[in-house]
Amino acid sequence: MEENKSNPTINSLEAMRKFSETYAKRTGTFFCIDSSVTSVVIEGLAKHKEELGSPLCPCRHYNNKISEVLSAYWNCPCVPMRERKECHCMLFLTPDNEFAGKNQEIALDTISSMIE
């Protein structure tokens, strides 16, 4: 089921964790109430950053990931998120979303334990 064979490095996870926290605070959005969702999405972003050079949205299917990275439409934060605060991955949720938690921060330990 996993398309990527290797896990992202701790440095990549940490970079995407910090980016996610900063972006959530800047946009007034919140992480999903289920921290496993947040963890898996951050892991996917970190994998794509390592493999493709950009944090391509991990929640979509792409016929050609390289061309998607180059178009930049689905690079996180994607155009729907930047324009309308619509996050398909449920990483950045508006306060009125039924799945939004109260957190704009997540510990690296939490991410690591959730993705193991």
Protein backbone atom coordinates (compact mmCIF):
# COMPACT_ATOMS: atom_id res chain seq x y z
CA MET A 1 0.00 0.00 0.00
CA GLU A 2 2.84 2.41 0.81
CA GLU A 3 4.24 3.82 -2.39
CA ASN A 4 7.43 5.10 -0.77
CA LYS A 5 9.82 2.52 0.58
CA SER A 6 11.78 4.73 2.97
CA ASN A 7 10.72 6.93 5.82
CA PRO A 8 11.66 10.60 5.74
CA THR A 9 14.57 11.74 7.87
CA ILE A 10 13.98 13.34 11.25
CA ASN A 11 15.30 16.61 9.78
CA SER A 12 12.69 16.52 7.01
CA LEU A 13 9.91 15.69 9.46
CA GLU A 14 11.03 18.53 11.72
CA ALA A 15 11.17 20.99 8.81
CA MET A 16 7.64 20.08 7.69
CA ARG A 17 6.40 20.15 11.30
CA LYS A 18 7.75 23.68 11.77
CA PHE A 19 6.36 24.80 8.41
CA SER A 20 2.92 23.37 9.28
CA GLU A 21 2.83 25.04 12.68
CA THR A 22 3.92 28.40 11.26
CA TYR A 23 1.43 28.24 8.42
CA ALA A 24 -1.47 27.24 10.70
CA LYS A 25 -0.74 30.16 13.03
CA ARG A 26 -0.34 32.61 10.16
CA THR A 27 -3.62 31.59 8.51
CA GLY A 28 -5.73 31.06 11.65
CA THR A 29 -6.23 27.38 10.81
CA PHE A 30 -5.97 24.36 13.09
CA PHE A 31 -4.77 20.78 12.85
CA CYS A 32 -7.24 17.91 12.71
CA ILE A 33 -8.62 16.78 16.04
CA ASP A 34 -7.13 13.35 15.19
CA SER A 35 -3.37 13.85 15.48
CA SER A 36 -2.72 10.72 13.41
CA VAL A 37 -4.16 12.58 10.38
CA THR A 38 -1.81 15.52 10.97
CA SER A 39 1.14 13.18 11.49
CA VAL A 40 0.57 11.16 8.32
CA VAL A 41 0.15 14.30 6.20
CA ILE A 42 3.34 15.86 7.60
CA GLU A 43 5.14 12.57 6.93
CA GLY A 44 3.89 12.62 3.33
CA LEU A 45 5.00 16.22 2.84
CA ALA A 46 8.45 15.35 4.22
CA LYS A 47 8.76 12.35 1.89
CA HIS A 48 7.83 14.41 -1.14
CA LYS A 49 10.20 17.19 -0.11
CA GLU A 50 13.05 14.67 0.04
CA GLU A 51 12.13 12.75 -3.12
CA LEU A 52 10.86 15.56 -5.34
CA GLY A 53 12.39 18.71 -3.88
CA SER A 54 8.96 20.15 -3.02
CA PRO A 55 6.27 19.29 -0.47
CA LEU A 56 3.73 18.04 -3.00
CA CYS A 57 0.31 17.33 -1.49
CA PRO A 58 0.48 13.69 -0.31
CA CYS A 59 -3.29 13.17 -0.40
CA ARG A 60 -3.76 13.14 -4.15
CA HIS A 61 -2.95 10.75 -6.99
CA TYR A 62 -0.64 12.07 -9.69
CA ASN A 63 0.14 10.55 -13.06
CA ASN A 64 3.41 12.50 -13.12
CA LYS A 65 4.64 13.87 -9.80
CA ILE A 66 7.55 15.76 -11.38
CA SER A 67 5.28 17.74 -13.71
CA GLU A 68 2.94 18.45 -10.77
CA VAL A 69 5.85 19.80 -8.72
CA LEU A 70 6.87 22.02 -11.64
CA SER A 71 3.34 23.41 -12.04
CA ALA A 72 3.38 24.20 -8.27
CA TYR A 73 -0.43 24.02 -8.01
CA TRP A 74 -0.41 21.15 -5.49
CA ASN A 75 2.78 22.11 -3.65
CA CYS A 76 1.88 22.76 -0.02
CA PRO A 77 0.28 25.12 0.68
CA CYS A 78 -1.65 24.36 -2.51
CA VAL A 79 -3.61 26.90 -4.52
CA PRO A 80 -7.01 25.90 -3.03
CA MET A 81 -5.55 26.41 0.45
CA ARG A 82 -3.92 29.73 -0.38
CA GLU A 83 -6.98 31.08 -2.19
CA ARG A 84 -9.92 29.63 -0.24
CA LYS A 85 -8.50 27.91 2.88
CA GLU A 86 -9.55 24.53 1.49
CA CYS A 87 -7.15 21.79 2.57
CA HIS A 88 -7.96 18.42 0.98
CA CYS A 89 -5.49 16.73 3.37
CA MET A 90 -7.22 18.07 6.49
CA LEU A 91 -3.91 19.50 7.72
CA PHE A 92 -5.07 23.12 7.83
CA LEU A 93 -8.69 23.38 8.94
CA THR A 94 -10.76 26.47 9.57
CA PRO A 95 -12.19 26.76 13.10
CA ASP A 96 -15.71 26.04 11.83
CA ASN A 97 -14.70 22.67 10.36
CA GLU A 98 -16.16 19.80 12.39
CA PHE A 99 -12.78 18.01 12.31
CA ALA A 100 -10.71 21.00 13.45
CA GLY A 101 -8.98 20.60 16.76
CA LYS A 102 -7.67 23.40 18.94
CA ASN A 103 -4.00 22.84 18.17
CA GLN A 104 -1.67 24.73 15.87
CA GLU A 105 1.30 22.80 17.20
CA ILE A 106 2.29 19.15 17.20
CA ALA A 107 5.32 17.57 18.85
CA LEU A 108 7.85 15.67 16.77
CA ASP A 109 7.48 12.78 19.25
CA THR A 110 3.76 12.65 18.51
CA ILE A 111 4.39 12.52 14.77
CA SER A 112 7.04 9.82 15.17
CA SER A 113 4.81 7.63 17.36
CA MET A 114 1.83 8.01 15.02
CA ILE A 115 3.69 7.05 11.85
CA GLU A 116 5.48 4.01 13.26
